[in-house]
Amino acid sequence: MDLAQKTGISEELLSDVIHGRKAISENLAMGLEYAFGVSKSFWLNLQANYDAEYLKSL
């Protein structure tokens, strides 16, 4: 089973997140929690940290 199927998220959205075009949403974080067994809060914190670092670089 591929990641898109396991998370219930489209391949297009996953690609956009991987390439930095979209952020990890709560819905995606829940899918990633199911797929990898890593908490939703981990994925949302990862996105928040990325956003903070990106803003510092501007």
C-alpha atoms as a PDB file:
ATOM      1  CA  MET A   1       0.000   0.000   0.000  1.00  0.00           C
ATOM      2  CA  ASP A   2       1.415   3.386  -0.898  1.00  0.00           C
ATOM      3  CA  LEU A   3       1.477   6.439   1.352  1.00  0.00           C
ATOM      4  CA  ALA A   4      -1.386   8.229  -0.409  1.00  0.00           C
ATOM      5  CA  GLN A   5      -3.667   5.245   0.114  1.00  0.00           C
ATOM      6  CA  LYS A   6      -2.564   4.666   3.684  1.00  0.00           C
ATOM      7  CA  THR A   7      -3.065   8.311   4.705  1.00  0.00           C
ATOM      8  CA  GLY A   8      -6.171   8.941   2.608  1.00  0.00           C
ATOM      9  CA  ILE A   9      -4.438  11.997   1.121  1.00  0.00           C
ATOM     10  CA  SER A  10      -4.009  12.530  -2.615  1.00  0.00           C
ATOM     11  CA  GLU A  11      -0.631  11.957  -4.234  1.00  0.00           C
ATOM     12  CA  GLU A  12      -0.773  15.530  -5.520  1.00  0.00           C
ATOM     13  CA  LEU A  13      -1.142  16.991  -2.013  1.00  0.00           C
ATOM     14  CA  LEU A  14       1.610  14.753  -0.643  1.00  0.00           C
ATOM     15  CA  SER A  15       3.888  15.893  -3.459  1.00  0.00           C
ATOM     16  CA  ASP A  16       3.050  19.541  -2.742  1.00  0.00           C
ATOM     17  CA  VAL A  17       3.901  19.084   0.947  1.00  0.00           C
ATOM     18  CA  ILE A  18       7.151  17.267   0.195  1.00  0.00           C
ATOM     19  CA  HIS A  19       8.212  20.022  -2.212  1.00  0.00           C
ATOM     20  CA  GLY A  20       7.262  22.828   0.192  1.00  0.00           C
ATOM     21  CA  ARG A  21       4.322  24.127  -1.833  1.00  0.00           C
ATOM     22  CA  LYS A  22       1.741  23.262   0.850  1.00  0.00           C
ATOM     23  CA  ALA A  23       1.809  22.957   4.628  1.00  0.00           C
ATOM     24  CA  ILE A  24       1.029  19.908   6.730  1.00  0.00           C
ATOM     25  CA  SER A  25      -2.634  20.292   7.645  1.00  0.00           C
ATOM     26  CA  GLU A  26      -4.358  18.756  10.638  1.00  0.00           C
ATOM     27  CA  ASN A  27      -6.013  16.251   8.311  1.00  0.00           C
ATOM     28  CA  LEU A  28      -2.698  15.243   6.763  1.00  0.00           C
ATOM     29  CA  ALA A  29      -1.105  15.031  10.216  1.00  0.00           C
ATOM     30  CA  MET A  30      -3.818  12.589  11.275  1.00  0.00           C
ATOM     31  CA  GLY A  31      -3.144  10.472   8.179  1.00  0.00           C
ATOM     32  CA  LEU A  32       0.589  10.494   8.867  1.00  0.00           C
ATOM     33  CA  GLU A  33      -0.076   9.478  12.463  1.00  0.00           C
ATOM     34  CA  TYR A  34      -2.021   6.475  11.192  1.00  0.00           C
ATOM     35  CA  ALA A  35       0.566   5.596   8.535  1.00  0.00           C
ATOM     36  CA  PHE A  36       3.699   5.932  10.676  1.00  0.00           C
ATOM     37  CA  GLY A  37       2.481   5.654  14.265  1.00  0.00           C
ATOM     38  CA  VAL A  38       3.956   9.069  15.045  1.00  0.00           C
ATOM     39  CA  SER A  39       1.614  11.479  16.821  1.00  0.00           C
ATOM     40  CA  LYS A  40      -0.360  14.139  14.990  1.00  0.00           C
ATOM     41  CA  SER A  41       1.194  16.771  17.248  1.00  0.00           C
ATOM     42  CA  PHE A  42       4.679  15.771  16.053  1.00  0.00           C
ATOM     43  CA  TRP A  43       3.751  16.495  12.422  1.00  0.00           C
ATOM     44  CA  LEU A  44       2.020  19.777  13.293  1.00  0.00           C
ATOM     45  CA  ASN A  45       4.991  20.881  15.423  1.00  0.00           C
ATOM     46  CA  LEU A  46       7.327  19.966  12.579  1.00  0.00           C
ATOM     47  CA  GLN A  47       5.329  22.251  10.286  1.00  0.00           C
ATOM     48  CA  ALA A  48       5.282  25.049  12.874  1.00  0.00           C
ATOM     49  CA  ASN A  49       9.070  24.803  13.292  1.00  0.00           C
ATOM     50  CA  TYR A  50       9.554  24.856   9.520  1.00  0.00           C
ATOM     51  CA  ASP A  51       7.327  27.927   9.227  1.00  0.00           C
ATOM     52  CA  ALA A  52       9.224  29.731  12.001  1.00  0.00           C
ATOM     53  CA  GLU A  53      12.610  29.004  10.399  1.00  0.00           C
ATOM     54  CA  TYR A  54      11.325  30.096   7.005  1.00  0.00           C
ATOM     55  CA  LEU A  55      10.089  33.415   8.430  1.00  0.00           C
ATOM     56  CA  LYS A  56      13.467  34.029  10.105  1.00  0.00           C
ATOM     57  CA  SER A  57      15.182  33.595   6.753  1.00  0.00           C
ATOM     58  CA  LEU A  58      13.168  36.357   5.054  1.00  0.00           C
END
